Amino acid sequence: MSDPIDDIVKISPDVHEVLFENDVIRVLEVTVKPGAKVAMHTNPENVNYIVKPGTLRLIDPDGSAVDIVLAERQVIPAPVGRHAVENVGATEVRTICIELKSSRR
């Protein structure tokens, strides 16, 4: 059984801003300042375009973690499964995230 989808804007409104929304997609601007954390959550299927690069740490519910170095103009899918996020780099990370509403449960 998969995890329920969380509304990341409600979980971390200081990091996620809705730019556009309709019945099919929601577009978010995601700004993660150095040292900032986003609580444990599960995303709907989405794609991120990296506007400002940096290093994010993805933390699983069991405490294991992996650091991801993001490059400017890179396009990446969302991590699968429940996770928290922390900016462990020295720079602000900014992405444009396109969520697919058809994958919301």
Protein backbone atom coordinates (compact mmCIF):
# COMPACT_ATOMS: atom_id res chain seq x y z
CA MET A 1 0.00 0.00 0.00
CA SER A 2 1.38 3.42 -0.91
CA ASP A 3 1.58 6.41 1.39
CA PRO A 4 -1.19 9.02 1.22
CA ILE A 5 -0.28 12.20 -0.65
CA ASP A 6 0.34 15.26 1.53
CA ASP A 7 -0.36 18.89 0.61
CA ILE A 8 3.18 20.21 0.74
CA VAL A 9 1.99 23.83 0.60
CA LYS A 10 0.13 23.32 3.90
CA ILE A 11 3.12 21.48 5.42
CA SER A 12 5.70 24.11 4.45
CA PRO A 13 4.13 27.33 3.11
CA ASP A 14 7.42 29.16 3.75
CA VAL A 15 9.09 26.94 1.12
CA HIS A 16 6.28 26.22 -1.39
CA GLU A 17 4.25 28.84 -3.29
CA VAL A 18 1.44 27.99 -5.74
CA LEU A 19 2.06 29.75 -9.08
CA PHE A 20 -0.73 28.07 -11.05
CA GLU A 21 -3.38 25.44 -10.50
CA ASN A 22 -6.15 23.78 -12.51
CA ASP A 23 -7.89 20.39 -12.56
CA VAL A 24 -4.84 18.63 -14.02
CA ILE A 25 -1.67 20.21 -12.58
CA ARG A 26 -0.38 22.44 -9.83
CA VAL A 27 2.78 24.50 -10.40
CA LEU A 28 4.84 25.44 -7.35
CA GLU A 29 7.86 27.64 -6.83
CA VAL A 30 10.00 25.88 -4.23
CA THR A 31 12.64 27.92 -2.38
CA VAL A 32 14.76 26.07 0.19
CA LYS A 33 17.19 28.34 2.03
CA PRO A 34 20.46 26.93 3.45
CA GLY A 35 19.69 24.95 6.60
CA ALA A 36 15.93 24.91 5.93
CA LYS A 37 13.98 21.68 6.43
CA VAL A 38 10.72 20.34 5.06
CA ALA A 39 8.89 17.87 7.33
CA MET A 40 8.20 14.24 6.41
CA HIS A 41 5.75 14.02 3.48
CA THR A 42 4.75 12.11 0.35
CA ASN A 43 4.47 13.97 -2.96
CA PRO A 44 2.15 13.28 -5.86
CA GLU A 45 3.94 12.42 -9.09
CA ASN A 46 5.82 15.54 -10.20
CA VAL A 47 8.73 16.96 -12.14
CA ASN A 48 11.13 19.67 -10.93
CA TYR A 49 13.05 22.18 -13.03
CA ILE A 50 16.09 23.45 -11.14
CA VAL A 51 16.35 27.26 -11.28
CA LYS A 52 19.04 27.72 -8.58
CA PRO A 53 21.32 24.74 -7.89
CA GLY A 54 22.49 23.36 -4.58
CA THR A 55 22.54 20.28 -2.36
CA LEU A 56 19.46 18.75 -0.74
CA ARG A 57 19.37 15.84 1.69
CA LEU A 58 16.45 13.41 1.36
CA ILE A 59 15.71 11.65 4.63
CA ASP A 60 13.65 8.43 4.80
CA PRO A 61 11.33 7.62 7.72
CA ASP A 62 13.96 5.18 9.04
CA GLY A 63 16.51 8.00 9.28
CA SER A 64 18.64 6.95 6.32
CA ALA A 65 19.58 9.83 4.04
CA VAL A 66 21.03 10.60 0.64
CA ASP A 67 22.42 13.93 -0.58
CA ILE A 68 21.45 15.09 -4.05
CA VAL A 69 23.53 17.71 -5.86
CA LEU A 70 21.28 19.66 -8.21
CA ALA A 71 22.53 21.47 -11.29
CA GLU A 72 21.02 24.58 -12.86
CA ARG A 73 18.48 23.75 -15.62
CA GLN A 74 18.37 20.07 -14.57
CA VAL A 75 14.99 18.34 -14.74
CA ILE A 76 14.29 15.64 -12.16
CA PRO A 77 11.29 13.55 -11.09
CA ALA A 78 10.10 13.70 -7.49
CA PRO A 79 11.51 11.24 -5.01
CA VAL A 80 9.30 8.18 -4.57
CA GLY A 81 7.91 7.43 -1.12
CA ARG A 82 7.80 9.25 2.18
CA HIS A 83 10.72 11.58 2.95
CA ALA A 84 11.85 14.83 4.55
CA VAL A 85 14.13 17.37 2.88
CA GLU A 86 16.95 19.53 4.21
CA ASN A 87 19.13 22.03 2.37
CA VAL A 88 22.62 20.98 3.49
CA GLY A 89 24.44 23.24 1.04
CA ALA A 90 25.59 26.84 1.30
CA THR A 91 23.23 28.16 -1.37
CA GLU A 92 19.49 28.65 -1.70
CA VAL A 93 17.89 25.97 -3.90
CA ARG A 94 15.00 27.09 -6.10
CA THR A 95 12.88 24.85 -8.32
CA ILE A 96 9.70 24.98 -10.33
CA CYS A 97 7.69 21.89 -9.42
CA ILE A 98 4.86 20.61 -11.62
CA GLU A 99 2.56 18.24 -9.72
CA LEU A 100 0.28 15.89 -11.63
CA LYS A 101 -3.11 15.82 -9.93
CA SER A 102 -4.11 12.52 -11.52
CA SER A 103 -1.57 10.84 -9.23
CA ARG A 104 -3.07 12.28 -6.02
CA ARG A 105 -4.70 9.63 -3.87
